[in-house]
Amino acid sequence: FRVARGEAQDADLVVSAGMADVRLEAEAAGDPLGPNDLVGGELPRSLRPQVSARGAHTLVRLATLWGLPTLGRGRWRATLAGDLPGHLAVSATTGDLDLDLTGLAPQAVDVGSTFGNVDLSLPTAGGADLDIRLTFGDLTIRVPDGLGVKVVLRAGALADVARDERRFIQLAPHEI
């Protein structure tokens, strides 16, 4: 699929993947995303992006049919234009989320997973609020060198938190 940029100066992407695995990344050299594309990628044949534009703002929604989980585990892939700020909201019920934001500059990112792993690479620059909710699964956050982050962690009794203690110091209880 491909979604044309149109008049978009900023864009929001909402992904509700159900049981599918999701790979999200910024465009890179050699990608099939053209200069007039906002987002492109691969979805199951039965799904198409829902797009709504209002002035210079565009909302792209990738969701399972009728909000229900897909019957089989699939793989979704989306490549976004790296020059547009916006909001990313990505969720899955049982799928794994692989989110490479290094080439993006989102204003805010919401990630939710019930049963699945989340692998998140943070943007190399800029500032964004991230809200990550993970019930069961592993969470890996990759922080580029030189990027300052503050992590407020509310971990359950069964959680095991590991960090590179040379780069990430304990500021207060539940804060790294």
Protein backbone atom coordinates (compact mmCIF):
# COMPACT_ATOMS: atom_id res chain seq x y z
CA PHE A 1 0.00 0.00 0.00
CA ARG A 2 0.94 3.65 -0.40
CA VAL A 3 -0.61 6.80 1.00
CA ALA A 4 0.03 10.06 -0.87
CA ARG A 5 1.40 12.99 1.11
CA GLY A 6 -1.01 15.53 -0.35
CA GLU A 7 -0.94 18.79 1.61
CA ALA A 8 0.24 17.13 4.85
CA GLN A 9 2.57 19.18 7.04
CA ASP A 10 2.16 16.74 9.91
CA ALA A 11 0.62 13.30 10.22
CA ASP A 12 -0.60 10.84 12.81
CA LEU A 13 -0.28 7.09 12.36
CA VAL A 14 -2.51 4.75 14.37
CA VAL A 15 -1.80 1.02 14.11
CA SER A 16 -4.05 -1.57 15.79
CA ALA A 17 -2.54 -4.88 14.71
CA GLY A 18 -4.36 -7.48 16.81
CA MET A 19 -2.29 -10.67 16.52
CA ALA A 20 -0.01 -9.43 13.72
CA ASP A 21 3.67 -8.57 14.09
CA VAL A 22 4.47 -4.98 13.13
CA ARG A 23 7.68 -3.47 11.71
CA LEU A 24 7.68 0.33 11.57
CA GLU A 25 10.58 2.43 10.28
CA ALA A 26 11.53 5.69 8.59
CA GLU A 27 12.27 5.84 4.91
CA ALA A 28 15.87 5.21 3.93
CA ALA A 29 17.88 5.38 0.73
CA GLY A 30 16.65 2.77 -1.71
CA ASP A 31 13.17 2.46 -0.16
CA PRO A 32 10.23 2.34 -2.56
CA LEU A 33 8.63 5.35 -0.80
CA GLY A 34 8.49 8.19 -3.31
CA PRO A 35 8.83 11.94 -2.64
CA ASN A 36 5.04 12.33 -2.78
CA ASP A 37 4.31 9.45 -0.37
CA LEU A 38 3.51 9.81 3.31
CA VAL A 39 3.58 6.13 4.21
CA GLY A 40 3.87 2.83 2.37
CA GLY A 41 4.23 -0.80 3.26
CA GLU A 42 2.72 -4.25 3.35
CA LEU A 43 -0.58 -5.38 4.87
CA PRO A 44 -2.70 -8.49 4.41
CA ARG A 45 -4.64 -8.34 1.15
CA SER A 46 -7.98 -7.76 2.90
CA LEU A 47 -6.79 -4.62 4.73
CA ARG A 48 -6.34 -1.12 3.42
CA PRO A 49 -5.28 2.04 5.26
CA GLN A 50 -8.00 4.45 6.31
CA VAL A 51 -6.92 7.99 5.54
CA SER A 52 -8.49 11.27 6.57
CA ALA A 53 -7.03 14.69 5.82
CA ARG A 54 -8.03 17.97 7.37
CA GLY A 55 -6.05 20.92 6.07
CA ALA A 56 -2.33 20.29 6.63
CA HIS A 57 -2.96 17.37 9.02
CA THR A 58 -3.40 13.76 7.88
CA LEU A 59 -4.46 10.73 9.93
CA VAL A 60 -3.55 7.26 8.68
CA ARG A 61 -5.14 4.28 10.44
CA LEU A 62 -4.02 0.67 9.93
CA ALA A 63 -6.39 -1.65 11.76
CA THR A 64 -7.82 -5.13 11.63
CA LEU A 65 -11.31 -5.45 10.18
CA TRP A 66 -14.03 -4.32 12.58
CA GLY A 67 -11.41 -3.93 15.31
CA LEU A 68 -11.17 -7.71 15.74
CA PRO A 69 -7.91 -9.65 15.85
CA THR A 70 -6.90 -11.30 12.60
CA LEU A 71 -7.49 -15.06 12.43
CA GLY A 72 -3.88 -15.87 11.60
CA ARG A 73 -0.63 -14.31 12.65
CA GLY A 74 0.51 -11.94 9.98
CA ARG A 75 3.31 -9.47 9.44
CA TRP A 76 2.67 -5.83 8.76
CA ARG A 77 5.33 -3.40 7.60
CA ALA A 78 5.11 0.37 7.30
CA THR A 79 7.68 2.90 6.14
CA LEU A 80 7.05 6.54 7.00
CA ALA A 81 8.33 9.76 5.49
CA GLY A 82 10.95 10.95 7.94
CA ASP A 83 10.39 14.68 7.57
CA LEU A 84 6.89 14.97 9.05
CA PRO A 85 6.30 15.39 12.77
CA GLY A 86 3.27 13.79 14.32
CA HIS A 87 1.90 11.26 16.73
CA LEU A 88 2.44 7.49 16.52
CA ALA A 89 0.11 5.06 18.29
CA VAL A 90 0.95 1.37 17.80
CA SER A 91 -0.73 -1.54 19.57
CA ALA A 92 -1.00 -5.30 19.29
CA THR A 93 -2.74 -7.98 21.31
CA THR A 94 -0.34 -10.89 20.75
CA GLY A 95 2.00 -9.64 18.03
CA ASP A 96 5.57 -8.41 18.38
CA LEU A 97 6.29 -4.74 17.71
CA ASP A 98 9.59 -3.72 16.08
CA LEU A 99 9.65 0.08 16.01
CA ASP A 100 12.71 1.79 14.53
CA LEU A 101 12.19 5.51 15.10
CA THR A 102 15.81 6.55 14.48
CA GLY A 103 14.98 8.45 11.28
CA LEU A 104 11.76 10.01 12.56
CA ALA A 105 10.95 13.05 14.71
CA PRO A 106 7.59 12.22 16.31
CA GLN A 107 6.02 14.59 18.84
CA ALA A 108 4.54 11.70 20.83
CA VAL A 109 4.60 7.90 20.73
CA ASP A 110 2.12 5.51 22.38
CA VAL A 111 2.91 1.80 22.36
CA GLY A 112 0.73 -0.94 23.81
CA SER A 113 1.15 -4.72 23.88
CA THR A 114 -0.74 -7.35 25.85
CA PHE A 115 1.17 -10.54 24.92
CA GLY A 116 4.17 -9.75 22.77
CA ASN A 117 7.66 -8.32 22.69
CA VAL A 118 8.43 -4.68 21.97
CA ASP A 119 11.73 -3.62 20.40
CA LEU A 120 12.02 0.17 20.26
CA SER A 121 14.86 2.23 18.78
CA LEU A 122 14.53 5.88 19.81
CA PRO A 123 14.95 8.85 17.44
CA THR A 124 18.48 10.21 17.14
CA ALA A 125 17.35 13.79 17.83
CA GLY A 126 14.40 15.83 18.96
CA GLY A 127 12.13 15.41 21.91
CA ALA A 128 9.09 13.21 22.23
CA ASP A 129 6.89 11.92 25.01
CA LEU A 130 6.71 8.13 24.98
CA ASP A 131 4.08 6.07 26.75
CA ILE A 132 4.79 2.33 26.65
CA ARG A 133 2.39 -0.21 28.19
CA LEU A 134 3.50 -3.82 28.17
CA THR A 135 1.62 -6.52 30.08
CA PHE A 136 3.47 -9.76 29.17
CA GLY A 137 6.61 -9.80 27.05
CA ASP A 138 10.09 -8.35 26.76
CA LEU A 139 10.79 -4.66 26.23
CA THR A 140 14.04 -3.51 24.64
CA ILE A 141 14.73 0.22 24.26
CA ARG A 142 17.73 1.33 22.22
CA VAL A 143 18.96 4.83 23.07
CA PRO A 144 21.36 6.51 20.61
CA ASP A 145 24.63 7.79 22.10
CA GLY A 146 24.33 11.38 23.27
CA LEU A 147 20.55 11.34 23.58
CA GLY A 148 19.20 12.19 27.02
CA VAL A 149 16.22 10.24 28.28
CA LYS A 150 14.32 9.94 31.53
CA VAL A 151 12.49 6.67 32.14
CA VAL A 152 9.75 6.44 34.75
CA LEU A 153 9.12 2.75 35.33
CA ARG A 154 6.14 1.11 36.96
CA ALA A 155 7.08 -2.55 36.95
CA GLY A 156 5.01 -5.38 38.38
CA ALA A 157 6.23 -7.98 40.85
CA LEU A 158 7.30 -10.39 38.08
CA ALA A 159 9.28 -7.80 36.11
CA ASP A 160 13.04 -8.05 35.76
CA VAL A 161 14.64 -4.75 34.77
CA ALA A 162 18.16 -4.68 33.33
CA ARG A 163 20.02 -1.57 32.20
CA ASP A 164 23.51 -0.51 31.20
CA GLU A 165 24.53 1.01 34.54
CA ARG A 166 27.39 2.94 32.91
CA ARG A 167 24.93 4.93 30.76
CA PHE A 168 21.71 4.91 32.79
CA ILE A 169 21.83 5.86 36.46
CA GLN A 170 19.13 5.44 39.09
CA LEU A 171 17.76 8.95 39.80
CA ALA A 172 15.06 7.98 42.26
CA PRO A 173 12.88 4.96 42.95
CA HIS A 174 11.27 4.01 39.63
CA GLU A 175 13.32 6.62 37.69
CA ILE A 176 16.31 5.96 35.45
